[in-house]
Amino acid sequence: MFFNNPNCPLKSMKTKHVILMNPFHIDSKDEKEFELAWVECAQFLKKQDGYIHTSLHKALDMEKSQYQYINYAHWESPEKFQKAMTEMRNISDCVKKMAQIPHQNFPSLYKVHIEM
């Protein structure tokens, strides 16, 4: 069985770090505007306590993909992530810009459960 393979041992990850995975469904006509708003939000969040890394992933086939973009962000803790999000909503205009773009998104925080 794959999971018993000594060449691929499973490691359980014990960390407080969290990953935000936030898939976005947007219309192709809004790509550029969405990307600009995302970059503005990312630049704000990059300066916040607890930020580690973020990246925006774009589907290879925008028309056939359920989600055209997936935001992947690494944070030190759920608390620091939530504090940064609150700050962004209160201070940054990027949230207002993003709200003006028709889209659906489904953000959730995750932790590494199994690492190989």
PDB file of N, CA and C in Angstrom:
ATOM      1  N   MET A   1       0.840  -1.182   0.000  1.00  0.00           N
ATOM      2  CA  MET A   1       0.000   0.000   0.000  1.00  0.00           C
ATOM      3  C   MET A   1       0.886   1.248   0.000  1.00  0.00           C
ATOM      4  N   PHE A   2       0.467   2.274  -0.682  1.00  0.00           N
ATOM      5  CA  PHE A   2       1.249   3.496  -0.839  1.00  0.00           C
ATOM      6  C   PHE A   2       1.664   4.102   0.499  1.00  0.00           C
ATOM      7  N   PHE A   3       0.742   4.142   1.464  1.00  0.00           N
ATOM      8  CA  PHE A   3       1.042   4.826   2.717  1.00  0.00           C
ATOM      9  C   PHE A   3       2.037   4.073   3.589  1.00  0.00           C
ATOM     10  N   ASN A   4       2.298   2.828   3.265  1.00  0.00           N
ATOM     11  CA  ASN A   4       3.292   2.062   4.015  1.00  0.00           C
ATOM     12  C   ASN A   4       4.648   2.066   3.335  1.00  0.00           C
ATOM     13  N   ASN A   5       4.781   2.809   2.276  1.00  0.00           N
ATOM     14  CA  ASN A   5       6.023   2.862   1.519  1.00  0.00           C
ATOM     15  C   ASN A   5       7.096   3.586   2.340  1.00  0.00           C
ATOM     16  N   PRO A   6       8.180   2.899   2.718  1.00  0.00           N
ATOM     17  CA  PRO A   6       9.221   3.556   3.524  1.00  0.00           C
ATOM     18  C   PRO A   6       9.944   4.669   2.771  1.00  0.00           C
ATOM     19  N   ASN A   7       9.836   4.678   1.452  1.00  0.00           N
ATOM     20  CA  ASN A   7      10.460   5.747   0.667  1.00  0.00           C
ATOM     21  C   ASN A   7       9.618   7.021   0.648  1.00  0.00           C
ATOM     22  N   CYS A   8       8.385   6.928   1.106  1.00  0.00           N
ATOM     23  CA  CYS A   8       7.471   8.079   1.146  1.00  0.00           C
ATOM     24  C   CYS A   8       6.811   8.146   2.515  1.00  0.00           C
ATOM     25  N   PRO A   9       7.576   8.380   3.572  1.00  0.00           N
ATOM     26  CA  PRO A   9       6.970   8.392   4.907  1.00  0.00           C
ATOM     27  C   PRO A   9       6.032   9.580   5.088  1.00  0.00           C
ATOM     28  N   LEU A  10       4.952   9.344   5.803  1.00  0.00           N
ATOM     29  CA  LEU A  10       4.024  10.423   6.133  1.00  0.00           C
ATOM     30  C   LEU A  10       4.524  11.138   7.373  1.00  0.00           C
ATOM     31  N   LYS A  11       4.414  12.447   7.361  1.00  0.00           N
ATOM     32  CA  LYS A  11       4.810  13.242   8.517  1.00  0.00           C
ATOM     33  C   LYS A  11       3.613  14.083   8.928  1.00  0.00           C
ATOM     34  N   SER A  12       3.296  14.077  10.174  1.00  0.00           N
ATOM     35  CA  SER A  12       2.231  14.935  10.664  1.00  0.00           C
ATOM     36  C   SER A  12       2.853  16.287  11.007  1.00  0.00           C
ATOM     37  N   MET A  13       2.233  17.351  10.567  1.00  0.00           N
ATOM     38  CA  MET A  13       2.791  18.687  10.746  1.00  0.00           C
ATOM     39  C   MET A  13       2.205  19.321  12.003  1.00  0.00           C
ATOM     40  N   LYS A  14       3.047  19.661  12.946  1.00  0.00           N
ATOM     41  CA  LYS A  14       2.607  20.312  14.178  1.00  0.00           C
ATOM     42  C   LYS A  14       3.034  21.776  14.121  1.00  0.00           C
ATOM     43  N   THR A  15       2.127  22.623  13.692  1.00  0.00           N
ATOM     44  CA  THR A  15       2.448  24.044  13.575  1.00  0.00           C
ATOM     45  C   THR A  15       1.191  24.867  13.757  1.00  0.00           C
ATOM     46  N   LYS A  16       1.374  26.095  14.189  1.00  0.00           N
ATOM     47  CA  LYS A  16       0.243  27.008  14.289  1.00  0.00           C
ATOM     48  C   LYS A  16       0.014  27.736  12.969  1.00  0.00           C
ATOM     49  N   HIS A  17       0.969  27.642  12.060  1.00  0.00           N
ATOM     50  CA  HIS A  17       0.820  28.327  10.775  1.00  0.00           C
ATOM     51  C   HIS A  17      -0.448  27.865  10.083  1.00  0.00           C
ATOM     52  N   VAL A  18      -1.065  28.789   9.355  1.00  0.00           N
ATOM     53  CA  VAL A  18      -2.279  28.456   8.605  1.00  0.00           C
ATOM     54  C   VAL A  18      -2.130  28.905   7.160  1.00  0.00           C
ATOM     55  N   ILE A  19      -2.905  28.267   6.314  1.00  0.00           N
ATOM     56  CA  ILE A  19      -2.941  28.593   4.896  1.00  0.00           C
ATOM     57  C   ILE A  19      -4.343  29.065   4.559  1.00  0.00           C
ATOM     58  N   LEU A  20      -4.429  30.210   3.913  1.00  0.00           N
ATOM     59  CA  LEU A  20      -5.698  30.660   3.348  1.00  0.00           C
ATOM     60  C   LEU A  20      -5.750  30.141   1.920  1.00  0.00           C
ATOM     61  N   MET A  21      -6.806  29.419   1.601  1.00  0.00           N
ATOM     62  CA  MET A  21      -7.076  29.046   0.215  1.00  0.00           C
ATOM     63  C   MET A  21      -8.404  29.692  -0.136  1.00  0.00           C
ATOM     64  N   ASN A  22      -8.352  30.541  -1.148  1.00  0.00           N
ATOM     65  CA  ASN A  22      -9.519  31.341  -1.494  1.00  0.00           C
ATOM     66  C   ASN A  22      -9.745  31.271  -3.002  1.00  0.00           C
ATOM     67  N   PRO A  23     -10.599  30.333  -3.452  1.00  0.00           N
ATOM     68  CA  PRO A  23     -10.888  30.249  -4.885  1.00  0.00           C
ATOM     69  C   PRO A  23     -11.873  31.338  -5.311  1.00  0.00           C
ATOM     70  N   PHE A  24     -11.651  31.876  -6.504  1.00  0.00           N
ATOM     71  CA  PHE A  24     -12.496  32.940  -7.053  1.00  0.00           C
ATOM     72  C   PHE A  24     -13.103  32.506  -8.379  1.00  0.00           C
ATOM     73  N   HIS A  25     -14.389  32.757  -8.515  1.00  0.00           N
ATOM     74  CA  HIS A  25     -15.067  32.587  -9.802  1.00  0.00           C
ATOM     75  C   HIS A  25     -15.361  33.994 -10.319  1.00  0.00           C
ATOM     76  N   ILE A  26     -14.755  34.352 -11.456  1.00  0.00           N
ATOM     77  CA  ILE A  26     -14.986  35.674 -12.033  1.00  0.00           C
ATOM     78  C   ILE A  26     -15.208  35.540 -13.532  1.00  0.00           C
ATOM     79  N   ASP A  27     -15.782  36.561 -14.103  1.00  0.00           N
ATOM     80  CA  ASP A  27     -15.985  36.616 -15.550  1.00  0.00           C
ATOM     81  C   ASP A  27     -14.672  37.034 -16.209  1.00  0.00           C
ATOM     82  N   SER A  28     -14.377  36.466 -17.358  1.00  0.00           N
ATOM     83  CA  SER A  28     -13.101  36.757 -18.029  1.00  0.00           C
ATOM     84  C   SER A  28     -12.931  38.238 -18.355  1.00  0.00           C
ATOM     85  N   LYS A  29     -14.020  38.958 -18.546  1.00  0.00           N
ATOM     86  CA  LYS A  29     -13.912  40.391 -18.858  1.00  0.00           C
ATOM     87  C   LYS A  29     -13.395  41.198 -17.657  1.00  0.00           C
ATOM     88  N   ASP A  30     -13.433  40.604 -16.474  1.00  0.00           N
ATOM     89  CA  ASP A  30     -13.008  41.307 -15.262  1.00  0.00           C
ATOM     90  C   ASP A  30     -11.613  40.900 -14.781  1.00  0.00           C
ATOM     91  N   GLU A  31     -10.901  40.105 -15.581  1.00  0.00           N
ATOM     92  CA  GLU A  31      -9.587  39.592 -15.167  1.00  0.00           C
ATOM     93  C   GLU A  31      -8.619  40.689 -14.739  1.00  0.00           C
ATOM     94  N   LYS A  32      -8.408  41.660 -15.596  1.00  0.00           N
ATOM     95  CA  LYS A  32      -7.402  42.698 -15.334  1.00  0.00           C
ATOM     96  C   LYS A  32      -7.751  43.494 -14.072  1.00  0.00           C
ATOM     97  N   GLU A  33      -9.009  43.902 -13.976  1.00  0.00           N
ATOM     98  CA  GLU A  33      -9.457  44.671 -12.813  1.00  0.00           C
ATOM     99  C   GLU A  33      -9.305  43.842 -11.530  1.00  0.00           C
ATOM    100  N   PHE A  34      -9.650  42.561 -11.605  1.00  0.00           N
ATOM    101  CA  PHE A  34      -9.510  41.665 -10.458  1.00  0.00           C
ATOM    102  C   PHE A  34      -8.043  41.548 -10.036  1.00  0.00           C
ATOM    103  N   GLU A  35      -7.170  41.314 -11.005  1.00  0.00           N
ATOM    104  CA  GLU A  35      -5.747  41.155 -10.695  1.00  0.00           C
ATOM    105  C   GLU A  35      -5.169  42.414 -10.059  1.00  0.00           C
ATOM    106  N   LEU A  36      -5.550  43.573 -10.551  1.00  0.00           N
ATOM    107  CA  LEU A  36      -5.058  44.832  -9.968  1.00  0.00           C
ATOM    108  C   LEU A  36      -5.533  44.997  -8.529  1.00  0.00           C
ATOM    109  N   ALA A  37      -6.812  44.690  -8.275  1.00  0.00           N
ATOM    110  CA  ALA A  37      -7.348  44.798  -6.915  1.00  0.00           C
ATOM    111  C   ALA A  37      -6.679  43.782  -5.993  1.00  0.00           C
ATOM    112  N   TRP A  38      -6.458  42.565  -6.501  1.00  0.00           N
ATOM    113  CA  TRP A  38      -5.804  41.535  -5.691  1.00  0.00           C
ATOM    114  C   TRP A  38      -4.391  41.972  -5.305  1.00  0.00           C
ATOM    115  N   VAL A  39      -3.640  42.498  -6.260  1.00  0.00           N
ATOM    116  CA  VAL A  39      -2.274  42.954  -5.981  1.00  0.00           C
ATOM    117  C   VAL A  39      -2.289  44.057  -4.926  1.00  0.00           C
ATOM    118  N   GLU A  40      -3.230  44.967  -5.018  1.00  0.00           N
ATOM    119  CA  GLU A  40      -3.317  46.048  -4.029  1.00  0.00           C
ATOM    120  C   GLU A  40      -3.594  45.482  -2.634  1.00  0.00           C
ATOM    121  N   CYS A  41      -4.521  44.536  -2.538  1.00  0.00           N
ATOM    122  CA  CYS A  41      -4.805  43.904  -1.246  1.00  0.00           C
ATOM    123  C   CYS A  41      -3.583  43.140  -0.737  1.00  0.00           C
ATOM    124  N   ALA A  42      -2.926  42.412  -1.615  1.00  0.00           N
ATOM    125  CA  ALA A  42      -1.748  41.633  -1.222  1.00  0.00           C
ATOM    126  C   ALA A  42      -0.629  42.543  -0.719  1.00  0.00           C
ATOM    127  N   GLN A  43      -0.451  43.689  -1.357  1.00  0.00           N
ATOM    128  CA  GLN A  43       0.589  44.627  -0.919  1.00  0.00           C
ATOM    129  C   GLN A  43       0.289  45.157   0.478  1.00  0.00           C
ATOM    130  N   PHE A  44      -0.984  45.392   0.771  1.00  0.00           N
ATOM    131  CA  PHE A  44      -1.357  45.826   2.111  1.00  0.00           C
ATOM    132  C   PHE A  44      -1.080  44.711   3.121  1.00  0.00           C
ATOM    133  N   LEU A  45      -1.553  43.504   2.812  1.00  0.00           N
ATOM    134  CA  LEU A  45      -1.413  42.384   3.742  1.00  0.00           C
ATOM    135  C   LEU A  45       0.045  42.002   3.976  1.00  0.00           C
ATOM    136  N   LYS A  46       0.872  42.191   2.969  1.00  0.00           N
ATOM    137  CA  LYS A  46       2.293  41.851   3.060  1.00  0.00           C
ATOM    138  C   LYS A  46       2.989  42.620   4.191  1.00  0.00           C
ATOM    139  N   LYS A  47       2.462  43.762   4.557  1.00  0.00           N
ATOM    140  CA  LYS A  47       3.059  44.608   5.595  1.00  0.00           C
ATOM    141  C   LYS A  47       2.524  44.286   6.994  1.00  0.00           C
ATOM    142  N   GLN A  48       1.587  43.349   7.096  1.00  0.00           N
ATOM    143  CA  GLN A  48       0.942  43.072   8.371  1.00  0.00           C
ATOM    144  C   GLN A  48       1.698  42.010   9.169  1.00  0.00           C
ATOM    145  N   ASP A  49       1.588  42.122  10.482  1.00  0.00           N
ATOM    146  CA  ASP A  49       2.213  41.154  11.383  1.00  0.00           C
ATOM    147  C   ASP A  49       1.635  39.762  11.131  1.00  0.00           C
ATOM    148  N   GLY A  50       2.510  38.784  10.987  1.00  0.00           N
ATOM    149  CA  GLY A  50       2.076  37.409  10.808  1.00  0.00           C
ATOM    150  C   GLY A  50       2.068  36.937   9.370  1.00  0.00           C
ATOM    151  N   TYR A  51       2.225  37.876   8.444  1.00  0.00           N
ATOM    152  CA  TYR A  51       2.250  37.521   7.021  1.00  0.00           C
ATOM    153  C   TYR A  51       3.524  36.742   6.712  1.00  0.00           C
ATOM    154  N   ILE A  52       3.389  35.674   5.926  1.00  0.00           N
ATOM    155  CA  ILE A  52       4.559  34.913   5.490  1.00  0.00           C
ATOM    156  C   ILE A  52       4.702  34.969   3.975  1.00  0.00           C
ATOM    157  N   HIS A  53       3.640  34.652   3.258  1.00  0.00           N
ATOM    158  CA  HIS A  53       3.737  34.565   1.795  1.00  0.00           C
ATOM    159  C   HIS A  53       2.336  34.526   1.189  1.00  0.00           C
ATOM    160  N   THR A  54       2.209  35.011  -0.024  1.00  0.00           N
ATOM    161  CA  THR A  54       0.953  34.848  -0.759  1.00  0.00           C
ATOM    162  C   THR A  54       1.247  34.704  -2.242  1.00  0.00           C
ATOM    163  N   SER A  55       0.340  34.046  -2.929  1.00  0.00           N
ATOM    164  CA  SER A  55       0.448  33.908  -4.383  1.00  0.00           C
ATOM    165  C   SER A  55      -0.948  33.750  -4.966  1.00  0.00           C
ATOM    166  N   LEU A  56      -1.096  34.226  -6.180  1.00  0.00           N
ATOM    167  CA  LEU A  56      -2.365  34.103  -6.894  1.00  0.00           C
ATOM    168  C   LEU A  56      -2.147  33.138  -8.049  1.00  0.00           C
ATOM    169  N   HIS A  57      -2.936  32.096  -8.074  1.00  0.00           N
ATOM    170  CA  HIS A  57      -2.825  31.064  -9.102  1.00  0.00           C
ATOM    171  C   HIS A  57      -3.960  31.243 -10.100  1.00  0.00           C
ATOM    172  N   LYS A  58      -3.620  31.155 -11.383  1.00  0.00           N
ATOM    173  CA  LYS A  58      -4.597  31.355 -12.453  1.00  0.00           C
ATOM    174  C   LYS A  58      -4.797  30.042 -13.205  1.00  0.00           C
ATOM    175  N   ALA A  59      -6.049  29.700 -13.471  1.00  0.00           N
ATOM    176  CA  ALA A  59      -6.368  28.463 -14.181  1.00  0.00           C
ATOM    177  C   ALA A  59      -5.770  28.477 -15.583  1.00  0.00           C
ATOM    178  N   LEU A  60      -5.300  27.339 -16.009  1.00  0.00           N
ATOM    179  CA  LEU A  60      -4.766  27.221 -17.370  1.00  0.00           C
ATOM    180  C   LEU A  60      -5.878  27.358 -18.406  1.00  0.00           C
ATOM    181  N   ASP A  61      -7.050  26.850 -18.081  1.00  0.00           N
ATOM    182  CA  ASP A  61      -8.205  26.971 -18.976  1.00  0.00           C
ATOM    183  C   ASP A  61      -9.290  27.748 -18.236  1.00  0.00           C
ATOM    184  N   MET A  62      -9.292  29.050 -18.419  1.00  0.00           N
ATOM    185  CA  MET A  62     -10.195  29.941 -17.683  1.00  0.00           C
ATOM    186  C   MET A  62     -11.670  29.628 -17.941  1.00  0.00           C
ATOM    187  N   GLU A  63     -11.999  29.209 -19.136  1.00  0.00           N
ATOM    188  CA  GLU A  63     -13.404  28.965 -19.486  1.00  0.00           C
ATOM    189  C   GLU A  63     -13.935  27.667 -18.884  1.00  0.00           C
ATOM    190  N   LYS A  64     -13.108  26.647 -18.788  1.00  0.00           N
ATOM    191  CA  LYS A  64     -13.570  25.346 -18.304  1.00  0.00           C
ATOM    192  C   LYS A  64     -13.415  25.172 -16.798  1.00  0.00           C
ATOM    193  N   SER A  65     -12.623  25.998 -16.170  1.00  0.00           N
ATOM    194  CA  SER A  65     -12.368  25.855 -14.735  1.00  0.00           C
ATOM    195  C   SER A  65     -13.520  26.409 -13.914  1.00  0.00           C
ATOM    196  N   GLN A  66     -13.839  25.701 -12.844  1.00  0.00           N
ATOM    197  CA  GLN A  66     -14.869  26.194 -11.934  1.00  0.00           C
ATOM    198  C   GLN A  66     -14.411  27.502 -11.288  1.00  0.00           C
ATOM    199  N   TYR A  67     -13.128  27.547 -10.934  1.00  0.00           N
ATOM    200  CA  TYR A  67     -12.549  28.750 -10.343  1.00  0.00           C
ATOM    201  C   TYR A  67     -11.436  29.238 -11.255  1.00  0.00           C
ATOM    202  N   GLN A  68     -11.456  30.510 -11.575  1.00  0.00           N
ATOM    203  CA  GLN A  68     -10.453  31.065 -12.472  1.00  0.00           C
ATOM    204  C   GLN A  68      -9.162  31.407 -11.733  1.00  0.00           C
ATOM    205  N   TYR A  69      -9.285  31.728 -10.453  1.00  0.00           N
ATOM    206  CA  TYR A  69      -8.126  32.084  -9.632  1.00  0.00           C
ATOM    207  C   TYR A  69      -8.235  31.392  -8.279  1.00  0.00           C
ATOM    208  N   ILE A  70      -7.077  31.103  -7.697  1.00  0.00           N
ATOM    209  CA  ILE A  70      -7.026  30.648  -6.308  1.00  0.00           C
ATOM    210  C   ILE A  70      -5.928  31.441  -5.609  1.00  0.00           C
ATOM    211  N   ASN A  71      -6.331  32.119  -4.550  1.00  0.00           N
ATOM    212  CA  ASN A  71      -5.394  32.851  -3.710  1.00  0.00           C
ATOM    213  C   ASN A  71      -4.890  31.884  -2.643  1.00  0.00           C
ATOM    214  N   TYR A  72      -3.577  31.808  -2.511  1.00  0.00           N
ATOM    215  CA  TYR A  72      -2.933  30.942  -1.529  1.00  0.00           C
ATOM    216  C   TYR A  72      -2.073  31.850  -0.663  1.00  0.00           C
ATOM    217  N   ALA A  73      -2.351  31.877   0.639  1.00  0.00           N
ATOM    218  CA  ALA A  73      -1.593  32.755   1.534  1.00  0.00           C
ATOM    219  C   ALA A  73      -1.205  31.999   2.797  1.00  0.00           C
ATOM    220  N   HIS A  74       0.020  32.213   3.241  1.00  0.00           N
ATOM    221  CA  HIS A  74       0.580  31.540   4.405  1.00  0.00           C
ATOM    222  C   HIS A  74       0.701  32.573   5.531  1.00  0.00           C
ATOM    223  N   TRP A  75       0.114  32.256   6.695  1.00  0.00           N
ATOM    224  CA  TRP A  75       0.118  33.153   7.850  1.00  0.00           C
ATOM    225  C   TRP A  75       0.637  32.432   9.084  1.00  0.00           C
ATOM    226  N   GLU A  76       1.193  33.196  10.016  1.00  0.00           N
ATOM    227  CA  GLU A  76       1.736  32.620  11.250  1.00  0.00           C
ATOM    228  C   GLU A  76       0.666  32.006  12.140  1.00  0.00           C
ATOM    229  N   SER A  77      -0.535  32.608  12.158  1.00  0.00           N
ATOM    230  CA  SER A  77      -1.603  32.080  13.013  1.00  0.00           C
ATOM    231  C   SER A  77      -2.953  32.584  12.508  1.00  0.00           C
ATOM    232  N   PRO A  78      -4.025  31.889  12.891  1.00  0.00           N
ATOM    233  CA  PRO A  78      -5.358  32.368  12.515  1.00  0.00           C
ATOM    234  C   PRO A  78      -5.649  33.754  13.088  1.00  0.00           C
ATOM    235  N   GLU A  79      -5.160  33.995  14.303  1.00  0.00           N
ATOM    236  CA  GLU A  79      -5.419  35.280  14.950  1.00  0.00           C
ATOM    237  C   GLU A  79      -4.762  36.436  14.193  1.00  0.00           C
ATOM    238  N   LYS A  80      -3.518  36.233  13.774  1.00  0.00           N
ATOM    239  CA  LYS A  80      -2.823  37.291  13.033  1.00  0.00           C
ATOM    240  C   LYS A  80      -3.462  37.511  11.667  1.00  0.00           C
ATOM    241  N   PHE A  81      -3.921  36.436  11.055  1.00  0.00           N
ATOM    242  CA  PHE A  81      -4.628  36.572   9.778  1.00  0.00           C
ATOM    243  C   PHE A  81      -5.910  37.386   9.968  1.00  0.00           C
ATOM    244  N   GLN A  82      -6.707  37.045  10.973  1.00  0.00           N
ATOM    245  CA  GLN A  82      -7.970  37.754  11.213  1.00  0.00           C
ATOM    246  C   GLN A  82      -7.730  39.228  11.533  1.00  0.00           C
ATOM    247  N   LYS A  83      -6.702  39.507  12.318  1.00  0.00           N
ATOM    248  CA  LYS A  83      -6.379  40.902  12.645  1.00  0.00           C
ATOM    249  C   LYS A  83      -6.003  41.665  11.378  1.00  0.00           C
ATOM    250  N   ALA A  84      -5.203  41.057  10.521  1.00  0.00           N
ATOM    251  CA  ALA A  84      -4.800  41.704   9.264  1.00  0.00           C
ATOM    252  C   ALA A  84      -6.007  41.952   8.367  1.00  0.00           C
ATOM    253  N   MET A  85      -6.929  40.997   8.318  1.00  0.00           N
ATOM    254  CA  MET A  85      -8.130  41.169   7.492  1.00  0.00           C
ATOM    255  C   MET A  85      -8.996  42.311   8.021  1.00  0.00           C
ATOM    256  N   THR A  86      -9.113  42.407   9.334  1.00  0.00           N
ATOM    257  CA  THR A  86      -9.879  43.502   9.937  1.00  0.00           C
ATOM    258  C   THR A  86      -9.238  44.839   9.600  1.00  0.00           C
ATOM    259  N   GLU A  87      -7.912  44.915   9.732  1.00  0.00           N
ATOM    260  CA  GLU A  87      -7.192  46.145   9.383  1.00  0.00           C
ATOM    261  C   GLU A  87      -7.422  46.507   7.918  1.00  0.00           C
ATOM    262  N   MET A  88      -7.359  45.520   7.052  1.00  0.00           N
ATOM    263  CA  MET A  88      -7.527  45.787   5.622  1.00  0.00           C
ATOM    264  C   MET A  88      -8.930  46.326   5.333  1.00  0.00           C
ATOM    265  N   ARG A  89      -9.935  45.721   5.950  1.00  0.00           N
ATOM    266  CA  ARG A  89     -11.314  46.199   5.735  1.00  0.00           C
ATOM    267  C   ARG A  89     -11.494  47.631   6.236  1.00  0.00           C
ATOM    268  N   ASN A  90     -10.821  47.983   7.332  1.00  0.00           N
ATOM    269  CA  ASN A  90     -10.976  49.308   7.930  1.00  0.00           C
ATOM    270  C   ASN A  90     -10.140  50.389   7.260  1.00  0.00           C
ATOM    271  N   ILE A  91      -9.022  50.017   6.648  1.00  0.00           N
ATOM    272  CA  ILE A  91      -8.067  51.013   6.165  1.00  0.00           C
ATOM    273  C   ILE A  91      -7.925  51.051   4.649  1.00  0.00           C
ATOM    274  N   SER A  92      -7.858  49.894   4.021  1.00  0.00           N
ATOM    275  CA  SER A  92      -7.485  49.834   2.606  1.00  0.00           C
ATOM    276  C   SER A  92      -8.681  49.954   1.665  1.00  0.00           C
ATOM    277  N   ASP A  93      -8.483  50.678   0.573  1.00  0.00           N
ATOM    278  CA  ASP A  93      -9.518  50.806  -0.454  1.00  0.00           C
ATOM    279  C   ASP A  93      -9.629  49.564  -1.328  1.00  0.00           C
ATOM    280  N   CYS A  94      -8.685  48.646  -1.227  1.00  0.00           N
ATOM    281  CA  CYS A  94      -8.700  47.476  -2.107  1.00  0.00           C
ATOM    282  C   CYS A  94      -9.948  46.622  -1.891  1.00  0.00           C
ATOM    283  N   VAL A  95     -10.461  46.581  -0.671  1.00  0.00           N
ATOM    284  CA  VAL A  95     -11.667  45.796  -0.395  1.00  0.00           C
ATOM    285  C   VAL A  95     -12.853  46.382  -1.148  1.00  0.00           C
ATOM    286  N   LYS A  96     -12.949  47.701  -1.181  1.00  0.00           N
ATOM    287  CA  LYS A  96     -14.033  48.355  -1.937  1.00  0.00           C
ATOM    288  C   LYS A  96     -13.888  48.087  -3.428  1.00  0.00           C
ATOM    289  N   LYS A  97     -12.657  48.132  -3.923  1.00  0.00           N
ATOM    290  CA  LYS A  97     -12.421  47.850  -5.345  1.00  0.00           C
ATOM    291  C   LYS A  97     -12.808  46.414  -5.682  1.00  0.00           C
ATOM    292  N   MET A  98     -12.425  45.486  -4.818  1.00  0.00           N
ATOM    293  CA  MET A  98     -12.754  44.078  -5.044  1.00  0.00           C
ATOM    294  C   MET A  98     -14.269  43.867  -5.018  1.00  0.00           C
ATOM    295  N   ALA A  99     -14.953  44.562  -4.126  1.00  0.00           N
ATOM    296  CA  ALA A  99     -16.409  44.417  -4.011  1.00  0.00           C
ATOM    297  C   ALA A  99     -17.137  44.907  -5.260  1.00  0.00           C
ATOM    298  N   GLN A 100     -16.520  45.805  -6.006  1.00  0.00           N
ATOM    299  CA  GLN A 100     -17.145  46.328  -7.223  1.00  0.00           C
ATOM    300  C   GLN A 100     -17.006  45.380  -8.413  1.00  0.00           C
ATOM    301  N   ILE A 101     -16.193  44.354  -8.277  1.00  0.00           N
ATOM    302  CA  ILE A 101     -15.990  43.378  -9.352  1.00  0.00           C
ATOM    303  C   ILE A 101     -16.932  42.203  -9.101  1.00  0.00           C
ATOM    304  N   PRO A 102     -17.824  41.900 -10.049  1.00  0.00           N
ATOM    305  CA  PRO A 102     -18.716  40.750  -9.840  1.00  0.00           C
ATOM    306  C   PRO A 102     -17.892  39.465  -9.701  1.00  0.00           C
ATOM    307  N   HIS A 103     -18.051  38.789  -8.580  1.00  0.00           N
ATOM    308  CA  HIS A 103     -17.307  37.549  -8.354  1.00  0.00           C
ATOM    309  C   HIS A 103     -17.939  36.756  -7.220  1.00  0.00           C
ATOM    310  N   GLN A 104     -17.542  35.517  -7.142  1.00  0.00           N
ATOM    311  CA  GLN A 104     -17.850  34.677  -5.992  1.00  0.00           C
ATOM    312  C   GLN A 104     -16.513  34.173  -5.473  1.00  0.00           C
ATOM    313  N   ASN A 105     -16.387  34.105  -4.165  1.00  0.00           N
ATOM    314  CA  ASN A 105     -15.181  33.514  -3.597  1.00  0.00           C
ATOM    315  C   ASN A 105     -15.542  32.726  -2.350  1.00  0.00           C
ATOM    316  N   PHE A 106     -14.671  31.793  -2.003  1.00  0.00           N
ATOM    317  CA  PHE A 106     -14.965  30.834  -0.953  1.00  0.00           C
ATOM    318  C   PHE A 106     -13.737  30.637  -0.064  1.00  0.00           C
ATOM    319  N   PRO A 107     -13.406  31.649   0.757  1.00  0.00           N
ATOM    320  CA  PRO A 107     -12.185  31.567   1.564  1.00  0.00           C
ATOM    321  C   PRO A 107     -12.324  30.613   2.751  1.00  0.00           C
ATOM    322  N   SER A 108     -11.256  29.899   3.025  1.00  0.00           N
ATOM    323  CA  SER A 108     -11.179  29.038   4.206  1.00  0.00           C
ATOM    324  C   SER A 108      -9.728  28.968   4.664  1.00  0.00           C
ATOM    325  N   LEU A 109      -9.556  28.849   5.969  1.00  0.00           N
ATOM    326  CA  LEU A 109      -8.223  28.643   6.530  1.00  0.00           C
ATOM    327  C   LEU A 109      -7.977  27.149   6.703  1.00  0.00           C
ATOM    328  N   TYR A 110      -6.754  26.747   6.411  1.00  0.00           N
ATOM    329  CA  TYR A 110      -6.356  25.345   6.515  1.00  0.00           C
ATOM    330  C   TYR A 110      -5.036  25.250   7.264  1.00  0.00           C
ATOM    331  N   LYS A 111      -4.781  24.079   7.811  1.00  0.00           N
ATOM    332  CA  LYS A 111      -3.460  23.772   8.354  1.00  0.00           C
ATOM    333  C   LYS A 111      -2.976  22.522   7.633  1.00  0.00           C
ATOM    334  N   VAL A 112      -1.670  22.358   7.581  1.00  0.00           N
ATOM    335  CA  VAL A 112      -1.121  21.151   6.975  1.00  0.00           C
ATOM    336  C   VAL A 112      -1.506  19.985   7.877  1.00  0.00           C
ATOM    337  N   HIS A 113      -2.099  18.991   7.298  1.00  0.00           N
ATOM    338  CA  HIS A 113      -2.538  17.824   8.061  1.00  0.00           C
ATOM    339  C   HIS A 113      -1.566  16.660   7.871  1.00  0.00           C
ATOM    340  N   ILE A 114      -1.174  16.425   6.635  1.00  0.00           N
ATOM    341  CA  ILE A 114      -0.204  15.379   6.322  1.00  0.00           C
ATOM    342  C   ILE A 114       0.771  15.948   5.307  1.00  0.00           C
ATOM    343  N   GLU A 115       2.042  15.752   5.561  1.00  0.00           N
ATOM    344  CA  GLU A 115       3.068  16.208   4.626  1.00  0.00           C
ATOM    345  C   GLU A 115       3.953  15.023   4.279  1.00  0.00           C
ATOM    346  N   MET A 116       4.311  14.928   3.031  1.00  0.00           N
ATOM    347  CA  MET A 116       5.116  13.780   2.597  1.00  0.00           C
ATOM    348  C   MET A 116       6.448  14.237   2.055  1.00  0.00           C
TER     349      MET A 116
END
